[in-house]
Amino acid sequence: MDFTFCQYRNPELYKCKPKIVVTQPRRIAAKSLAKHVASERRGKCGASVGYRIGQEKCSSSSTQLVYVTTGNLLQVSCFAQKIFK
């Protein structure tokens, strides 16, 4: 999964399916919102909706909506070419 702003730096990333990343300031908020939205969409957390907080990850290649903490977004945007693989 790749962020939109990374696509401008690396044209290879246009091959990926677009994803939506939502930031939350707290770990518990990101995790509980992902689970809540997944249940509202009648799915499991990790399928179409997931989260990534610290070293904990609940997502797959088919995940379209990912909740992350702001620290995690900053970390991966600074240090990673391919994000959330």
PDB file of N, CA and C in Angstrom:
ATOM      1  N   MET A   1       0.842  -1.155   0.000  1.00  0.00           N
ATOM      2  CA  MET A   1       0.000   0.000   0.000  1.00  0.00           C
ATOM      3  C   MET A   1       0.896   1.228   0.000  1.00  0.00           C
ATOM      4  N   ASP A   2       0.593   2.196  -0.831  1.00  0.00           N
ATOM      5  CA  ASP A   2       1.435   3.367  -0.961  1.00  0.00           C
ATOM      6  C   ASP A   2       0.617   4.632  -0.803  1.00  0.00           C
ATOM      7  N   PHE A   3       1.249   5.624  -0.237  1.00  0.00           N
ATOM      8  CA  PHE A   3       0.603   6.912  -0.052  1.00  0.00           C
ATOM      9  C   PHE A   3       0.648   7.717  -1.338  1.00  0.00           C
ATOM     10  N   THR A   4      -0.304   8.594  -1.505  1.00  0.00           N
ATOM     11  CA  THR A   4      -0.390   9.406  -2.709  1.00  0.00           C
ATOM     12  C   THR A   4       0.833  10.294  -2.876  1.00  0.00           C
ATOM     13  N   PHE A   5       1.327  10.908  -1.787  1.00  0.00           N
ATOM     14  CA  PHE A   5       2.453  11.820  -1.939  1.00  0.00           C
ATOM     15  C   PHE A   5       3.733  11.087  -2.332  1.00  0.00           C
ATOM     16  N   CYS A   6       3.832   9.797  -2.076  1.00  0.00           N
ATOM     17  CA  CYS A   6       4.989   9.028  -2.509  1.00  0.00           C
ATOM     18  C   CYS A   6       4.920   8.720  -3.995  1.00  0.00           C
ATOM     19  N   GLN A   7       3.728   8.702  -4.553  1.00  0.00           N
ATOM     20  CA  GLN A   7       3.580   8.395  -5.958  1.00  0.00           C
ATOM     21  C   GLN A   7       4.208   9.473  -6.833  1.00  0.00           C
ATOM     22  N   TYR A   8       4.246  10.692  -6.353  1.00  0.00           N
ATOM     23  CA  TYR A   8       4.843  11.763  -7.137  1.00  0.00           C
ATOM     24  C   TYR A   8       6.365  11.613  -7.206  1.00  0.00           C
ATOM     25  N   ARG A   9       6.952  11.023  -6.180  1.00  0.00           N
ATOM     26  CA  ARG A   9       8.393  10.826  -6.168  1.00  0.00           C
ATOM     27  C   ARG A   9       8.811   9.602  -6.964  1.00  0.00           C
ATOM     28  N   ASN A  10       7.957   8.614  -7.033  1.00  0.00           N
ATOM     29  CA  ASN A  10       8.316   7.356  -7.686  1.00  0.00           C
ATOM     30  C   ASN A  10       7.185   6.912  -8.610  1.00  0.00           C
ATOM     31  N   PRO A  11       7.327   7.073  -9.916  1.00  0.00           N
ATOM     32  CA  PRO A  11       6.249   6.715 -10.848  1.00  0.00           C
ATOM     33  C   PRO A  11       5.875   5.238 -10.835  1.00  0.00           C
ATOM     34  N   GLU A  12       6.766   4.349 -10.375  1.00  0.00           N
ATOM     35  CA  GLU A  12       6.445   2.925 -10.293  1.00  0.00           C
ATOM     36  C   GLU A  12       5.262   2.655  -9.379  1.00  0.00           C
ATOM     37  N   LEU A  13       5.044   3.528  -8.416  1.00  0.00           N
ATOM     38  CA  LEU A  13       4.000   3.304  -7.422  1.00  0.00           C
ATOM     39  C   LEU A  13       2.606   3.532  -7.986  1.00  0.00           C
ATOM     40  N   TYR A  14       2.478   4.065  -9.203  1.00  0.00           N
ATOM     41  CA  TYR A  14       1.159   4.246  -9.801  1.00  0.00           C
ATOM     42  C   TYR A  14       0.497   2.914 -10.122  1.00  0.00           C
ATOM     43  N   LYS A  15       1.273   1.844 -10.175  1.00  0.00           N
ATOM     44  CA  LYS A  15       0.726   0.529 -10.473  1.00  0.00           C
ATOM     45  C   LYS A  15      -0.158   0.013  -9.341  1.00  0.00           C
ATOM     46  N   CYS A  16       0.036   0.521  -8.137  1.00  0.00           N
ATOM     47  CA  CYS A  16      -0.719   0.047  -6.978  1.00  0.00           C
ATOM     48  C   CYS A  16      -2.136   0.615  -6.977  1.00  0.00           C
ATOM     49  N   LYS A  17      -3.026  -0.117  -6.354  1.00  0.00           N
ATOM     50  CA  LYS A  17      -4.397   0.317  -6.185  1.00  0.00           C
ATOM     51  C   LYS A  17      -4.432   1.470  -5.173  1.00  0.00           C
ATOM     52  N   PRO A  18      -5.215   2.514  -5.404  1.00  0.00           N
ATOM     53  CA  PRO A  18      -5.246   3.635  -4.452  1.00  0.00           C
ATOM     54  C   PRO A  18      -5.770   3.201  -3.086  1.00  0.00           C
ATOM     55  N   LYS A  19      -5.183   3.743  -2.039  1.00  0.00           N
ATOM     56  CA  LYS A  19      -5.574   3.436  -0.664  1.00  0.00           C
ATOM     57  C   LYS A  19      -5.894   4.743   0.060  1.00  0.00           C
ATOM     58  N   ILE A  20      -6.671   4.637   1.115  1.00  0.00           N
ATOM     59  CA  ILE A  20      -6.992   5.788   1.953  1.00  0.00           C
ATOM     60  C   ILE A  20      -6.350   5.558   3.308  1.00  0.00           C
ATOM     61  N   VAL A  21      -5.593   6.539   3.768  1.00  0.00           N
ATOM     62  CA  VAL A  21      -4.932   6.463   5.067  1.00  0.00           C
ATOM     63  C   VAL A  21      -5.535   7.541   5.959  1.00  0.00           C
ATOM     64  N   VAL A  22      -6.007   7.121   7.140  1.00  0.00           N
ATOM     65  CA  VAL A  22      -6.609   8.035   8.108  1.00  0.00           C
ATOM     66  C   VAL A  22      -5.719   8.059   9.336  1.00  0.00           C
ATOM     67  N   THR A  23      -5.320   9.254   9.771  1.00  0.00           N
ATOM     68  CA  THR A  23      -4.471   9.340  10.962  1.00  0.00           C
ATOM     69  C   THR A  23      -5.321   9.577  12.206  1.00  0.00           C
ATOM     70  N   GLN A  24      -4.863   8.973  13.280  1.00  0.00           N
ATOM     71  CA  GLN A  24      -5.461   9.144  14.595  1.00  0.00           C
ATOM     72  C   GLN A  24      -4.333   9.439  15.579  1.00  0.00           C
ATOM     73  N   PRO A  25      -4.567  10.330  16.543  1.00  0.00           N
ATOM     74  CA  PRO A  25      -3.474  10.693  17.448  1.00  0.00           C
ATOM     75  C   PRO A  25      -3.110   9.616  18.471  1.00  0.00           C
ATOM     76  N   ARG A  26      -4.004   8.697  18.756  1.00  0.00           N
ATOM     77  CA  ARG A  26      -3.756   7.679  19.775  1.00  0.00           C
ATOM     78  C   ARG A  26      -3.867   6.274  19.198  1.00  0.00           C
ATOM     79  N   ARG A  27      -3.086   5.347  19.769  1.00  0.00           N
ATOM     80  CA  ARG A  27      -3.081   3.957  19.317  1.00  0.00           C
ATOM     81  C   ARG A  27      -4.456   3.307  19.486  1.00  0.00           C
ATOM     82  N   ILE A  28      -5.066   3.512  20.639  1.00  0.00           N
ATOM     83  CA  ILE A  28      -6.358   2.888  20.923  1.00  0.00           C
ATOM     84  C   ILE A  28      -7.426   3.420  19.978  1.00  0.00           C
ATOM     85  N   ALA A  29      -7.362   4.697  19.648  1.00  0.00           N
ATOM     86  CA  ALA A  29      -8.346   5.282  18.733  1.00  0.00           C
ATOM     87  C   ALA A  29      -8.225   4.667  17.343  1.00  0.00           C
ATOM     88  N   ALA A  30      -7.013   4.519  16.846  1.00  0.00           N
ATOM     89  CA  ALA A  30      -6.810   3.940  15.514  1.00  0.00           C
ATOM     90  C   ALA A  30      -7.321   2.501  15.466  1.00  0.00           C
ATOM     91  N   LYS A  31      -6.994   1.734  16.471  1.00  0.00           N
ATOM     92  CA  LYS A  31      -7.387   0.322  16.500  1.00  0.00           C
ATOM     93  C   LYS A  31      -8.896   0.158  16.648  1.00  0.00           C
ATOM     94  N   SER A  32      -9.499   0.897  17.573  1.00  0.00           N
ATOM     95  CA  SER A  32     -10.940   0.742  17.805  1.00  0.00           C
ATOM     96  C   SER A  32     -11.760   1.296  16.645  1.00  0.00           C
ATOM     97  N   LEU A  33     -11.315   2.386  16.022  1.00  0.00           N
ATOM     98  CA  LEU A  33     -12.032   2.910  14.865  1.00  0.00           C
ATOM     99  C   LEU A  33     -11.970   1.953  13.681  1.00  0.00           C
ATOM    100  N   ALA A  34     -10.824   1.335  13.472  1.00  0.00           N
ATOM    101  CA  ALA A  34     -10.700   0.369  12.383  1.00  0.00           C
ATOM    102  C   ALA A  34     -11.657  -0.802  12.601  1.00  0.00           C
ATOM    103  N   LYS A  35     -11.726  -1.293  13.816  1.00  0.00           N
ATOM    104  CA  LYS A  35     -12.629  -2.404  14.116  1.00  0.00           C
ATOM    105  C   LYS A  35     -14.089  -1.984  13.968  1.00  0.00           C
ATOM    106  N   HIS A  36     -14.405  -0.769  14.399  1.00  0.00           N
ATOM    107  CA  HIS A  36     -15.778  -0.274  14.309  1.00  0.00           C
ATOM    108  C   HIS A  36     -16.206  -0.083  12.853  1.00  0.00           C
ATOM    109  N   VAL A  37     -15.366   0.537  12.055  1.00  0.00           N
ATOM    110  CA  VAL A  37     -15.691   0.770  10.646  1.00  0.00           C
ATOM    111  C   VAL A  37     -15.796  -0.559   9.897  1.00  0.00           C
ATOM    112  N   ALA A  38     -14.915  -1.502  10.214  1.00  0.00           N
ATOM    113  CA  ALA A  38     -14.987  -2.821   9.583  1.00  0.00           C
ATOM    114  C   ALA A  38     -16.308  -3.506   9.907  1.00  0.00           C
ATOM    115  N   SER A  39     -16.752  -3.411  11.154  1.00  0.00           N
ATOM    116  CA  SER A  39     -18.025  -4.041  11.516  1.00  0.00           C
ATOM    117  C   SER A  39     -19.203  -3.320  10.871  1.00  0.00           C
ATOM    118  N   GLU A  40     -19.131  -2.000  10.724  1.00  0.00           N
ATOM    119  CA  GLU A  40     -20.188  -1.250  10.049  1.00  0.00           C
ATOM    120  C   GLU A  40     -20.269  -1.621   8.572  1.00  0.00           C
ATOM    121  N   ARG A  41     -19.138  -1.953   7.982  1.00  0.00           N
ATOM    122  CA  ARG A  41     -19.111  -2.363   6.577  1.00  0.00           C
ATOM    123  C   ARG A  41     -19.357  -3.862   6.430  1.00  0.00           C
ATOM    124  N   ARG A  42     -19.712  -4.510   7.527  1.00  0.00           N
ATOM    125  CA  ARG A  42     -20.000  -5.949   7.570  1.00  0.00           C
ATOM    126  C   ARG A  42     -18.820  -6.793   7.085  1.00  0.00           C
ATOM    127  N   GLY A  43     -17.665  -6.466   7.611  1.00  0.00           N
ATOM    128  CA  GLY A  43     -16.463  -7.213   7.273  1.00  0.00           C
ATOM    129  C   GLY A  43     -15.591  -7.393   8.498  1.00  0.00           C
ATOM    130  N   LYS A  44     -14.461  -8.024   8.295  1.00  0.00           N
ATOM    131  CA  LYS A  44     -13.509  -8.224   9.376  1.00  0.00           C
ATOM    132  C   LYS A  44     -12.419  -7.173   9.307  1.00  0.00           C
ATOM    133  N   CYS A  45     -11.870  -6.854  10.453  1.00  0.00           N
ATOM    134  CA  CYS A  45     -10.738  -5.937  10.492  1.00  0.00           C
ATOM    135  C   CYS A  45      -9.544  -6.644   9.849  1.00  0.00           C
ATOM    136  N   GLY A  46      -8.943  -6.001   8.876  1.00  0.00           N
ATOM    137  CA  GLY A  46      -7.836  -6.586   8.158  1.00  0.00           C
ATOM    138  C   GLY A  46      -8.195  -6.935   6.724  1.00  0.00           C
ATOM    139  N   ALA A  47      -9.486  -6.951   6.407  1.00  0.00           N
ATOM    140  CA  ALA A  47      -9.904  -7.248   5.037  1.00  0.00           C
ATOM    141  C   ALA A  47      -9.905  -5.960   4.216  1.00  0.00           C
ATOM    142  N   SER A  48     -11.013  -5.226   4.226  1.00  0.00           N
ATOM    143  CA  SER A  48     -11.056  -3.968   3.473  1.00  0.00           C
ATOM    144  C   SER A  48     -10.687  -2.781   4.350  1.00  0.00           C
ATOM    145  N   VAL A  49     -10.753  -2.957   5.661  1.00  0.00           N
ATOM    146  CA  VAL A  49     -10.387  -1.915   6.625  1.00  0.00           C
ATOM    147  C   VAL A  49      -9.350  -2.496   7.572  1.00  0.00           C
ATOM    148  N   GLY A  50      -8.295  -1.734   7.847  1.00  0.00           N
ATOM    149  CA  GLY A  50      -7.250  -2.217   8.741  1.00  0.00           C
ATOM    150  C   GLY A  50      -6.600  -1.098   9.518  1.00  0.00           C
ATOM    151  N   TYR A  51      -5.570  -1.459  10.280  1.00  0.00           N
ATOM    152  CA  TYR A  51      -4.841  -0.460  11.055  1.00  0.00           C
ATOM    153  C   TYR A  51      -3.373  -0.812  11.100  1.00  0.00           C
ATOM    154  N   ARG A  52      -2.576   0.167  11.401  1.00  0.00           N
ATOM    155  CA  ARG A  52      -1.130  -0.023  11.570  1.00  0.00           C
ATOM    156  C   ARG A  52      -0.686   0.924  12.677  1.00  0.00           C
ATOM    157  N   ILE A  53      -0.309   0.360  13.804  1.00  0.00           N
ATOM    158  CA  ILE A  53       0.144   1.166  14.934  1.00  0.00           C
ATOM    159  C   ILE A  53       1.422   0.554  15.487  1.00  0.00           C
ATOM    160  N   GLY A  54       2.474   1.317  15.510  1.00  0.00           N
ATOM    161  CA  GLY A  54       3.754   0.812  15.979  1.00  0.00           C
ATOM    162  C   GLY A  54       4.188  -0.387  15.168  1.00  0.00           C
ATOM    163  N   GLN A  55       4.452  -1.495  15.830  1.00  0.00           N
ATOM    164  CA  GLN A  55       4.836  -2.729  15.148  1.00  0.00           C
ATOM    165  C   GLN A  55       3.636  -3.631  14.882  1.00  0.00           C
ATOM    166  N   GLU A  56       2.465  -3.226  15.346  1.00  0.00           N
ATOM    167  CA  GLU A  56       1.254  -4.032  15.183  1.00  0.00           C
ATOM    168  C   GLU A  56       0.569  -3.671  13.861  1.00  0.00           C
ATOM    169  N   LYS A  57       0.216  -4.690  13.094  1.00  0.00           N
ATOM    170  CA  LYS A  57      -0.375  -4.471  11.774  1.00  0.00           C
ATOM    171  C   LYS A  57      -1.550  -5.407  11.578  1.00  0.00           C
ATOM    172  N   CYS A  58      -2.652  -4.866  11.134  1.00  0.00           N
ATOM    173  CA  CYS A  58      -3.826  -5.675  10.813  1.00  0.00           C
ATOM    174  C   CYS A  58      -4.342  -5.191   9.460  1.00  0.00           C
ATOM    175  N   SER A  59      -3.691  -5.648   8.401  1.00  0.00           N
ATOM    176  CA  SER A  59      -4.100  -5.271   7.049  1.00  0.00           C
ATOM    177  C   SER A  59      -3.620  -6.335   6.077  1.00  0.00           C
ATOM    178  N   SER A  60      -4.119  -6.251   4.860  1.00  0.00           N
ATOM    179  CA  SER A  60      -3.725  -7.199   3.822  1.00  0.00           C
ATOM    180  C   SER A  60      -3.539  -6.443   2.516  1.00  0.00           C
ATOM    181  N   SER A  61      -3.250  -7.156   1.457  1.00  0.00           N
ATOM    182  CA  SER A  61      -3.063  -6.502   0.166  1.00  0.00           C
ATOM    183  C   SER A  61      -4.374  -5.947  -0.383  1.00  0.00           C
ATOM    184  N   SER A  62      -5.508  -6.444   0.102  1.00  0.00           N
ATOM    185  CA  SER A  62      -6.805  -5.947  -0.361  1.00  0.00           C
ATOM    186  C   SER A  62      -7.365  -4.832   0.515  1.00  0.00           C
ATOM    187  N   THR A  63      -6.639  -4.423   1.543  1.00  0.00           N
ATOM    188  CA  THR A  63      -7.100  -3.360   2.430  1.00  0.00           C
ATOM    189  C   THR A  63      -7.126  -2.034   1.691  1.00  0.00           C
ATOM    190  N   GLN A  64      -8.256  -1.335   1.766  1.00  0.00           N
ATOM    191  CA  GLN A  64      -8.422  -0.060   1.081  1.00  0.00           C
ATOM    192  C   GLN A  64      -8.407   1.121   2.032  1.00  0.00           C
ATOM    193  N   LEU A  65      -8.729   0.902   3.287  1.00  0.00           N
ATOM    194  CA  LEU A  65      -8.803   1.969   4.284  1.00  0.00           C
ATOM    195  C   LEU A  65      -7.956   1.564   5.483  1.00  0.00           C
ATOM    196  N   VAL A  66      -6.937   2.365   5.810  1.00  0.00           N
ATOM    197  CA  VAL A  66      -6.019   2.032   6.896  1.00  0.00           C
ATOM    198  C   VAL A  66      -5.980   3.175   7.904  1.00  0.00           C
ATOM    199  N   TYR A  67      -6.161   2.830   9.165  1.00  0.00           N
ATOM    200  CA  TYR A  67      -6.032   3.792  10.254  1.00  0.00           C
ATOM    201  C   TYR A  67      -4.628   3.669  10.834  1.00  0.00           C
ATOM    202  N   VAL A  68      -3.926   4.779  10.957  1.00  0.00           N
ATOM    203  CA  VAL A  68      -2.567   4.784  11.498  1.00  0.00           C
ATOM    204  C   VAL A  68      -2.442   5.896  12.526  1.00  0.00           C
ATOM    205  N   THR A  69      -1.436   5.767  13.382  1.00  0.00           N
ATOM    206  CA  THR A  69      -1.125   6.865  14.288  1.00  0.00           C
ATOM    207  C   THR A  69      -0.294   7.899  13.528  1.00  0.00           C
ATOM    208  N   THR A  70      -0.316   9.128  13.998  1.00  0.00           N
ATOM    209  CA  THR A  70       0.433  10.182  13.304  1.00  0.00           C
ATOM    210  C   THR A  70       1.930   9.905  13.341  1.00  0.00           C
ATOM    211  N   GLY A  71       2.406   9.314  14.416  1.00  0.00           N
ATOM    212  CA  GLY A  71       3.821   8.958  14.507  1.00  0.00           C
ATOM    213  C   GLY A  71       4.208   7.902  13.489  1.00  0.00           C
ATOM    214  N   ASN A  72       3.333   6.945  13.273  1.00  0.00           N
ATOM    215  CA  ASN A  72       3.589   5.899  12.295  1.00  0.00           C
ATOM    216  C   ASN A  72       3.622   6.482  10.884  1.00  0.00           C
ATOM    217  N   LEU A  73       2.715   7.389  10.591  1.00  0.00           N
ATOM    218  CA  LEU A  73       2.704   8.038   9.281  1.00  0.00           C
ATOM    219  C   LEU A  73       3.991   8.811   9.045  1.00  0.00           C
ATOM    220  N   LEU A  74       4.437   9.530  10.043  1.00  0.00           N
ATOM    221  CA  LEU A  74       5.676  10.287   9.922  1.00  0.00           C
ATOM    222  C   LEU A  74       6.868   9.361   9.723  1.00  0.00           C
ATOM    223  N   GLN A  75       6.919   8.289  10.479  1.00  0.00           N
ATOM    224  CA  GLN A  75       8.036   7.349  10.390  1.00  0.00           C
ATOM    225  C   GLN A  75       8.124   6.704   9.012  1.00  0.00           C
ATOM    226  N   VAL A  76       7.031   6.187   8.513  1.00  0.00           N
ATOM    227  CA  VAL A  76       7.092   5.499   7.226  1.00  0.00           C
ATOM    228  C   VAL A  76       7.260   6.467   6.066  1.00  0.00           C
ATOM    229  N   SER A  77       6.751   7.672   6.197  1.00  0.00           N
ATOM    230  CA  SER A  77       6.911   8.630   5.102  1.00  0.00           C
ATOM    231  C   SER A  77       8.346   9.132   5.003  1.00  0.00           C
ATOM    232  N   CYS A  78       9.070   9.109   6.099  1.00  0.00           N
ATOM    233  CA  CYS A  78      10.458   9.565   6.084  1.00  0.00           C
ATOM    234  C   CYS A  78      11.439   8.463   5.694  1.00  0.00           C
ATOM    235  N   PHE A  79      11.148   7.218   6.055  1.00  0.00           N
ATOM    236  CA  PHE A  79      12.149   6.170   5.931  1.00  0.00           C
ATOM    237  C   PHE A  79      11.828   5.047   4.955  1.00  0.00           C
ATOM    238  N   ALA A  80      10.655   5.020   4.375  1.00  0.00           N
ATOM    239  CA  ALA A  80      10.294   3.866   3.536  1.00  0.00           C
ATOM    240  C   ALA A  80       9.982   4.276   2.107  1.00  0.00           C
ATOM    241  N   GLN A  81      10.379   3.446   1.160  1.00  0.00           N
ATOM    242  CA  GLN A  81       9.995   3.642  -0.232  1.00  0.00           C
ATOM    243  C   GLN A  81       8.635   3.002  -0.470  1.00  0.00           C
ATOM    244  N   LYS A  82       8.510   1.765  -0.094  1.00  0.00           N
ATOM    245  CA  LYS A  82       7.234   1.056  -0.221  1.00  0.00           C
ATOM    246  C   LYS A  82       6.614   0.973   1.164  1.00  0.00           C
ATOM    247  N   ILE A  83       5.414   1.495   1.295  1.00  0.00           N
ATOM    248  CA  ILE A  83       4.785   1.621   2.600  1.00  0.00           C
ATOM    249  C   ILE A  83       3.696   0.577   2.763  1.00  0.00           C
ATOM    250  N   PHE A  84       3.633  -0.033   3.944  1.00  0.00           N
ATOM    251  CA  PHE A  84       2.602  -0.991   4.335  1.00  0.00           C
ATOM    252  C   PHE A  84       2.582  -2.228   3.466  1.00  0.00           C
ATOM    253  N   LYS A  85       3.715  -2.728   3.113  1.00  0.00           N
ATOM    254  CA  LYS A  85       3.774  -3.994   2.371  1.00  0.00           C
ATOM    255  C   LYS A  85       3.795  -5.138   3.322  1.00  0.00           C
TER     256      LYS A  85
END
